Amino acid sequence: MFRRKCKITFIRHGSTIYSDENRLNDNLNYPPLSEVGKIEADKIAKWIEKRSPKVDKIYTSSDIQSIQTCKLVSQEYKKDFEIVDNLYSRRTGKWNGLTFEQIEKQYPEELKQYHENRANYWTENGETNTQLQQRVRNSVAELIAQNIGNRIIIVTNGDVIQAEICSALNIPIENMGRIYIPCGSASQLSYFDSWTSLVYCGHFPL
């Protein structure tokens, strides 16, 4: 008989002006949710409470978009939440604030190196996919250890969710960009003693 250690529902924060432009961003204090993002966050909060009415703990990463989204989730469950410092989005270095189109124009050689080595190359002062994955895996493993037998929610960024799904399902980290996690969506993983099951991924309530 399989013993489930923990069930985690990951929620990506609602849209911002940066996410709408596919702009890289590691600023914790900006930008906040857009008006569309607030609607998305409200929808996913209501949907997840109806789908999974029992939750033991709610966590969020420390950026403003995730905290704003998490407050709506917390209100639906009438339950407090905790901020997890190490679940922030990828450190983007000197590419921060740029779209990939802008990066291609300004740093074509560096972008070429990234495409040739997606696992272990990133621009200076940023995190590679491998470094991001390791940080996220360590943080999620700690939360699982604290919540054996529990059902929890983690509100965070898309790249954090992508990295954890890769870890949980043994997907090569260079393929993390192929996992589609839209703003205002939910993805659920069930963690067992020796394996993990992806229950659903990137669900966006209409």
C-alpha atoms as a PDB file:
ATOM      1  CA  MET A   1       0.000   0.000   0.000  1.00  0.00           C
ATOM      2  CA  PHE A   2       1.355   3.424  -0.947  1.00  0.00           C
ATOM      3  CA  ARG A   3       1.838   5.945   1.843  1.00  0.00           C
ATOM      4  CA  ARG A   4       1.450   9.530   0.733  1.00  0.00           C
ATOM      5  CA  LYS A   5       3.801  11.868   2.563  1.00  0.00           C
ATOM      6  CA  CYS A   6       2.313  15.147   1.430  1.00  0.00           C
ATOM      7  CA  LYS A   7       0.040  16.663  -1.188  1.00  0.00           C
ATOM      8  CA  ILE A   8       1.072  20.069  -2.496  1.00  0.00           C
ATOM      9  CA  THR A   9      -0.994  22.388  -4.660  1.00  0.00           C
ATOM     10  CA  PHE A  10       1.231  24.990  -6.285  1.00  0.00           C
ATOM     11  CA  ILE A  11      -0.492  28.203  -7.371  1.00  0.00           C
ATOM     12  CA  ARG A  12       1.192  30.679  -9.678  1.00  0.00           C
ATOM     13  CA  HIS A  13       0.425  34.290  -8.821  1.00  0.00           C
ATOM     14  CA  GLY A  14      -1.900  36.333 -11.037  1.00  0.00           C
ATOM     15  CA  SER A  15      -0.696  38.411 -13.975  1.00  0.00           C
ATOM     16  CA  THR A  16       1.459  41.536 -13.724  1.00  0.00           C
ATOM     17  CA  ILE A  17       2.599  44.009 -16.348  1.00  0.00           C
ATOM     18  CA  TYR A  18       5.888  42.080 -16.497  1.00  0.00           C
ATOM     19  CA  SER A  19       4.374  38.630 -16.900  1.00  0.00           C
ATOM     20  CA  ASP A  20       2.164  39.946 -19.710  1.00  0.00           C
ATOM     21  CA  GLU A  21       5.338  41.024 -21.541  1.00  0.00           C
ATOM     22  CA  ASN A  22       7.311  37.851 -20.650  1.00  0.00           C
ATOM     23  CA  ARG A  23       9.817  40.122 -18.946  1.00  0.00           C
ATOM     24  CA  LEU A  24      12.374  38.604 -16.557  1.00  0.00           C
ATOM     25  CA  ASN A  25      12.049  39.896 -13.020  1.00  0.00           C
ATOM     26  CA  ASP A  26      13.545  39.063  -9.638  1.00  0.00           C
ATOM     27  CA  ASN A  27      12.366  42.197  -7.817  1.00  0.00           C
ATOM     28  CA  LEU A  28      10.394  41.174  -4.735  1.00  0.00           C
ATOM     29  CA  ASN A  29       8.563  44.491  -4.402  1.00  0.00           C
ATOM     30  CA  TYR A  30       7.463  45.168  -7.975  1.00  0.00           C
ATOM     31  CA  PRO A  31       5.282  44.865  -9.967  1.00  0.00           C
ATOM     32  CA  PRO A  32       2.040  44.141  -8.102  1.00  0.00           C
ATOM     33  CA  LEU A  33      -0.858  42.260  -9.633  1.00  0.00           C
ATOM     34  CA  SER A  34      -2.519  43.968 -12.571  1.00  0.00           C
ATOM     35  CA  GLU A  35      -6.300  44.330 -12.650  1.00  0.00           C
ATOM     36  CA  VAL A  36      -6.461  41.145 -14.731  1.00  0.00           C
ATOM     37  CA  GLY A  37      -4.105  39.490 -12.268  1.00  0.00           C
ATOM     38  CA  LYS A  38      -6.418  40.312  -9.364  1.00  0.00           C
ATOM     39  CA  ILE A  39      -9.311  38.663 -11.200  1.00  0.00           C
ATOM     40  CA  GLU A  40      -7.163  35.601 -11.974  1.00  0.00           C
ATOM     41  CA  ALA A  41      -6.045  35.341  -8.349  1.00  0.00           C
ATOM     42  CA  ASP A  42      -9.621  35.592  -7.103  1.00  0.00           C
ATOM     43  CA  LYS A  43     -10.778  32.901  -9.536  1.00  0.00           C
ATOM     44  CA  ILE A  44      -8.038  30.433  -8.659  1.00  0.00           C
ATOM     45  CA  ALA A  45      -8.577  31.027  -4.930  1.00  0.00           C
ATOM     46  CA  LYS A  46     -12.281  30.259  -5.210  1.00  0.00           C
ATOM     47  CA  TRP A  47     -11.678  27.283  -7.510  1.00  0.00           C
ATOM     48  CA  ILE A  48      -9.059  25.622  -5.330  1.00  0.00           C
ATOM     49  CA  GLU A  49     -11.153  25.981  -2.167  1.00  0.00           C
ATOM     50  CA  LYS A  50     -14.077  24.247  -3.892  1.00  0.00           C
ATOM     51  CA  ARG A  51     -11.897  21.512  -5.368  1.00  0.00           C
ATOM     52  CA  SER A  52      -9.859  20.906  -2.204  1.00  0.00           C
ATOM     53  CA  PRO A  53     -11.835  22.210   0.771  1.00  0.00           C
ATOM     54  CA  LYS A  54      -9.359  20.762   3.281  1.00  0.00           C
ATOM     55  CA  VAL A  55      -5.902  22.297   3.570  1.00  0.00           C
ATOM     56  CA  ASP A  56      -3.547  22.125   6.530  1.00  0.00           C
ATOM     57  CA  LYS A  57      -1.042  24.866   5.720  1.00  0.00           C
ATOM     58  CA  ILE A  58      -0.724  27.721   3.217  1.00  0.00           C
ATOM     59  CA  TYR A  59       2.644  29.124   2.189  1.00  0.00           C
ATOM     60  CA  THR A  60       3.808  31.833  -0.196  1.00  0.00           C
ATOM     61  CA  SER A  61       7.069  33.083  -1.618  1.00  0.00           C
ATOM     62  CA  SER A  62       8.120  36.556  -0.548  1.00  0.00           C
ATOM     63  CA  ASP A  63       7.419  38.592  -3.716  1.00  0.00           C
ATOM     64  CA  ILE A  64       4.517  41.030  -3.760  1.00  0.00           C
ATOM     65  CA  GLN A  65       2.606  39.260  -6.551  1.00  0.00           C
ATOM     66  CA  SER A  66       2.586  35.949  -4.690  1.00  0.00           C
ATOM     67  CA  ILE A  67       1.675  37.532  -1.370  1.00  0.00           C
ATOM     68  CA  GLN A  68      -1.244  39.404  -2.957  1.00  0.00           C
ATOM     69  CA  THR A  69      -2.477  36.179  -4.546  1.00  0.00           C
ATOM     70  CA  CYS A  70      -1.970  34.208  -1.351  1.00  0.00           C
ATOM     71  CA  LYS A  71      -4.044  36.673   0.659  1.00  0.00           C
ATOM     72  CA  LEU A  72      -7.057  35.814  -1.514  1.00  0.00           C
ATOM     73  CA  VAL A  73      -6.408  32.081  -1.098  1.00  0.00           C
ATOM     74  CA  SER A  74      -6.045  32.581   2.640  1.00  0.00           C
ATOM     75  CA  GLN A  75      -9.351  34.475   2.795  1.00  0.00           C
ATOM     76  CA  GLU A  76     -11.184  31.642   1.036  1.00  0.00           C
ATOM     77  CA  TYR A  77      -9.872  29.098   3.535  1.00  0.00           C
ATOM     78  CA  LYS A  78     -10.106  31.472   6.509  1.00  0.00           C
ATOM     79  CA  LYS A  79      -6.603  30.357   7.402  1.00  0.00           C
ATOM     80  CA  ASP A  80      -3.339  32.273   7.941  1.00  0.00           C
ATOM     81  CA  PHE A  81      -0.339  31.833   5.654  1.00  0.00           C
ATOM     82  CA  GLU A  82       3.432  31.761   6.078  1.00  0.00           C
ATOM     83  CA  ILE A  83       6.104  33.379   3.903  1.00  0.00           C
ATOM     84  CA  VAL A  84       8.917  31.102   2.699  1.00  0.00           C
ATOM     85  CA  ASP A  85      12.001  33.169   1.885  1.00  0.00           C
ATOM     86  CA  ASN A  86      13.824  30.651  -0.336  1.00  0.00           C
ATOM     87  CA  LEU A  87      11.044  30.188  -2.900  1.00  0.00           C
ATOM     88  CA  TYR A  88      11.713  33.452  -4.725  1.00  0.00           C
ATOM     89  CA  SER A  89      11.922  33.542  -8.516  1.00  0.00           C
ATOM     90  CA  ARG A  90      15.203  32.940 -10.330  1.00  0.00           C
ATOM     91  CA  ARG A  91      17.930  35.520  -9.771  1.00  0.00           C
ATOM     92  CA  THR A  92      18.241  36.983 -13.256  1.00  0.00           C
ATOM     93  CA  GLY A  93      21.436  39.040 -12.921  1.00  0.00           C
ATOM     94  CA  LYS A  94      22.004  41.698 -15.543  1.00  0.00           C
ATOM     95  CA  TRP A  95      19.104  40.326 -17.614  1.00  0.00           C
ATOM     96  CA  ASN A  96      16.666  41.508 -14.971  1.00  0.00           C
ATOM     97  CA  GLY A  97      13.835  43.591 -16.413  1.00  0.00           C
ATOM     98  CA  LEU A  98      14.444  42.443 -19.997  1.00  0.00           C
ATOM     99  CA  THR A  99      12.420  40.335 -22.408  1.00  0.00           C
ATOM    100  CA  PHE A 100      14.188  37.585 -24.333  1.00  0.00           C
ATOM    101  CA  GLU A 101      13.801  39.700 -27.479  1.00  0.00           C
ATOM    102  CA  GLN A 102      15.754  42.485 -25.745  1.00  0.00           C
ATOM    103  CA  ILE A 103      18.335  40.019 -24.462  1.00  0.00           C
ATOM    104  CA  GLU A 104      18.819  38.693 -27.995  1.00  0.00           C
ATOM    105  CA  LYS A 105      19.582  42.221 -29.221  1.00  0.00           C
ATOM    106  CA  GLN A 106      21.773  43.300 -26.311  1.00  0.00           C
ATOM    107  CA  TYR A 107      23.515  40.035 -25.350  1.00  0.00           C
ATOM    108  CA  PRO A 108      23.350  37.726 -28.396  1.00  0.00           C
ATOM    109  CA  GLU A 109      26.469  35.700 -27.544  1.00  0.00           C
ATOM    110  CA  GLU A 110      25.387  35.103 -23.958  1.00  0.00           C
ATOM    111  CA  LEU A 111      21.912  34.077 -25.065  1.00  0.00           C
ATOM    112  CA  LYS A 112      23.477  31.660 -27.551  1.00  0.00           C
ATOM    113  CA  GLN A 113      25.507  30.111 -24.710  1.00  0.00           C
ATOM    114  CA  TYR A 114      22.314  29.716 -22.697  1.00  0.00           C
ATOM    115  CA  HIS A 115      20.524  27.948 -25.545  1.00  0.00           C
ATOM    116  CA  GLU A 116      23.505  25.615 -25.909  1.00  0.00           C
ATOM    117  CA  ASN A 117      23.649  24.842 -22.180  1.00  0.00           C
ATOM    118  CA  ARG A 118      20.245  25.464 -20.628  1.00  0.00           C
ATOM    119  CA  ALA A 119      21.041  23.486 -17.496  1.00  0.00           C
ATOM    120  CA  ASN A 120      24.222  25.216 -16.385  1.00  0.00           C
ATOM    121  CA  TYR A 121      24.585  28.599 -18.078  1.00  0.00           C
ATOM    122  CA  TRP A 122      23.073  31.944 -17.131  1.00  0.00           C
ATOM    123  CA  THR A 123      24.334  35.498 -17.230  1.00  0.00           C
ATOM    124  CA  GLU A 124      26.551  36.852 -14.439  1.00  0.00           C
ATOM    125  CA  ASN A 125      25.029  37.324 -10.979  1.00  0.00           C
ATOM    126  CA  GLY A 126      22.079  35.139 -11.928  1.00  0.00           C
ATOM    127  CA  GLU A 127      21.068  31.527 -11.251  1.00  0.00           C
ATOM    128  CA  THR A 128      21.356  28.686 -13.711  1.00  0.00           C
ATOM    129  CA  ASN A 129      18.442  26.300 -14.100  1.00  0.00           C
ATOM    130  CA  THR A 130      20.399  23.754 -12.061  1.00  0.00           C
ATOM    131  CA  GLN A 131      21.003  26.224  -9.231  1.00  0.00           C
ATOM    132  CA  LEU A 132      17.357  27.275  -9.248  1.00  0.00           C
ATOM    133  CA  GLN A 133      16.235  23.646  -9.158  1.00  0.00           C
ATOM    134  CA  GLN A 134      18.520  22.797  -6.240  1.00  0.00           C
ATOM    135  CA  ARG A 135      17.343  25.770  -4.179  1.00  0.00           C
ATOM    136  CA  VAL A 136      13.675  25.018  -4.845  1.00  0.00           C
ATOM    137  CA  ARG A 137      14.097  21.275  -4.194  1.00  0.00           C
ATOM    138  CA  ASN A 138      15.741  21.937  -0.829  1.00  0.00           C
ATOM    139  CA  SER A 139      12.988  24.361   0.214  1.00  0.00           C
ATOM    140  CA  VAL A 140      10.136  22.096  -0.862  1.00  0.00           C
ATOM    141  CA  ALA A 141      11.781  19.078   0.810  1.00  0.00           C
ATOM    142  CA  GLU A 142      11.898  21.029   4.079  1.00  0.00           C
ATOM    143  CA  LEU A 143       8.203  21.881   3.800  1.00  0.00           C
ATOM    144  CA  ILE A 144       7.340  18.244   3.088  1.00  0.00           C
ATOM    145  CA  ALA A 145       9.317  17.133   6.150  1.00  0.00           C
ATOM    146  CA  GLN A 146       7.326  19.622   8.251  1.00  0.00           C
ATOM    147  CA  ASN A 147       3.998  18.467   6.794  1.00  0.00           C
ATOM    148  CA  ILE A 148       4.005  14.679   6.732  1.00  0.00           C
ATOM    149  CA  GLY A 149       0.447  13.551   6.033  1.00  0.00           C
ATOM    150  CA  ASN A 150      -0.718  17.098   5.304  1.00  0.00           C
ATOM    151  CA  ARG A 151      -2.244  18.871   2.338  1.00  0.00           C
ATOM    152  CA  ILE A 152      -0.608  22.205   1.704  1.00  0.00           C
ATOM    153  CA  ILE A 153      -0.744  25.092  -0.763  1.00  0.00           C
ATOM    154  CA  ILE A 154       2.294  27.010  -2.012  1.00  0.00           C
ATOM    155  CA  VAL A 155       1.741  30.272  -3.899  1.00  0.00           C
ATOM    156  CA  THR A 156       4.797  31.192  -5.918  1.00  0.00           C
ATOM    157  CA  ASN A 157       6.326  31.965  -9.319  1.00  0.00           C
ATOM    158  CA  GLY A 158       6.120  29.994 -12.530  1.00  0.00           C
ATOM    159  CA  ASP A 159       9.812  29.081 -12.710  1.00  0.00           C
ATOM    160  CA  VAL A 160       9.738  27.762  -9.138  1.00  0.00           C
ATOM    161  CA  ILE A 161       6.833  25.469 -10.045  1.00  0.00           C
ATOM    162  CA  GLN A 162       8.540  24.356 -13.256  1.00  0.00           C
ATOM    163  CA  ALA A 163      11.746  23.540 -11.376  1.00  0.00           C
ATOM    164  CA  GLU A 164       9.937  21.510  -8.720  1.00  0.00           C
ATOM    165  CA  ILE A 165       7.943  19.527 -11.284  1.00  0.00           C
ATOM    166  CA  CYS A 166      11.212  18.670 -13.024  1.00  0.00           C
ATOM    167  CA  SER A 167      12.691  17.469  -9.731  1.00  0.00           C
ATOM    168  CA  ALA A 168       9.612  15.501  -8.732  1.00  0.00           C
ATOM    169  CA  LEU A 169       9.194  13.729 -12.076  1.00  0.00           C
ATOM    170  CA  ASN A 170      12.877  13.380 -12.998  1.00  0.00           C
ATOM    171  CA  ILE A 171      12.498  15.644 -16.034  1.00  0.00           C
ATOM    172  CA  PRO A 172      15.853  17.054 -17.237  1.00  0.00           C
ATOM    173  CA  ILE A 173      16.065  20.605 -15.938  1.00  0.00           C
ATOM    174  CA  GLU A 174      17.043  21.951 -19.363  1.00  0.00           C
ATOM    175  CA  ASN A 175      13.454  21.114 -20.393  1.00  0.00           C
ATOM    176  CA  MET A 176      11.766  23.129 -17.638  1.00  0.00           C
ATOM    177  CA  GLY A 177      10.636  25.779 -20.118  1.00  0.00           C
ATOM    178  CA  ARG A 178       8.446  23.194 -21.842  1.00  0.00           C
ATOM    179  CA  ILE A 179       6.207  22.954 -18.778  1.00  0.00           C
ATOM    180  CA  TYR A 180       3.484  25.555 -19.209  1.00  0.00           C
ATOM    181  CA  ILE A 181       2.438  27.251 -15.970  1.00  0.00           C
ATOM    182  CA  PRO A 182       0.148  30.236 -16.750  1.00  0.00           C
ATOM    183  CA  CYS A 183      -0.478  33.039 -14.278  1.00  0.00           C
ATOM    184  CA  GLY A 184      -3.388  32.344 -11.961  1.00  0.00           C
ATOM    185  CA  SER A 185      -3.112  28.572 -12.410  1.00  0.00           C
ATOM    186  CA  ALA A 186      -2.826  25.581 -10.082  1.00  0.00           C
ATOM    187  CA  SER A 187      -0.664  22.453 -10.308  1.00  0.00           C
ATOM    188  CA  GLN A 188      -0.804  19.567  -7.861  1.00  0.00           C
ATOM    189  CA  LEU A 189       1.783  16.970  -6.854  1.00  0.00           C
ATOM    190  CA  SER A 190       1.315  14.020  -4.497  1.00  0.00           C
ATOM    191  CA  TYR A 191       4.559  12.965  -2.798  1.00  0.00           C
ATOM    192  CA  PHE A 192       4.953   9.334  -1.741  1.00  0.00           C
ATOM    193  CA  ASP A 193       7.852   7.557  -0.027  1.00  0.00           C
ATOM    194  CA  SER A 194       9.746   6.711  -3.213  1.00  0.00           C
ATOM    195  CA  TRP A 195       7.962   8.495  -6.037  1.00  0.00           C
ATOM    196  CA  THR A 196       5.780  11.491  -6.889  1.00  0.00           C
ATOM    197  CA  SER A 197       2.605  11.759  -8.936  1.00  0.00           C
ATOM    198  CA  LEU A 198       1.562  14.805 -10.980  1.00  0.00           C
ATOM    199  CA  VAL A 199      -2.189  15.077 -10.409  1.00  0.00           C
ATOM    200  CA  TYR A 200      -2.748  18.056 -12.721  1.00  0.00           C
ATOM    201  CA  CYS A 201      -0.655  20.884 -14.165  1.00  0.00           C
ATOM    202  CA  GLY A 202      -1.329  24.505 -15.061  1.00  0.00           C
ATOM    203  CA  HIS A 203      -5.100  24.432 -14.549  1.00  0.00           C
ATOM    204  CA  PHE A 204      -6.568  27.851 -15.223  1.00  0.00           C
ATOM    205  CA  PRO A 205     -10.252  28.290 -14.250  1.00  0.00           C
ATOM    206  CA  LEU A 206     -12.280  30.033 -16.943  1.00  0.00           C
END
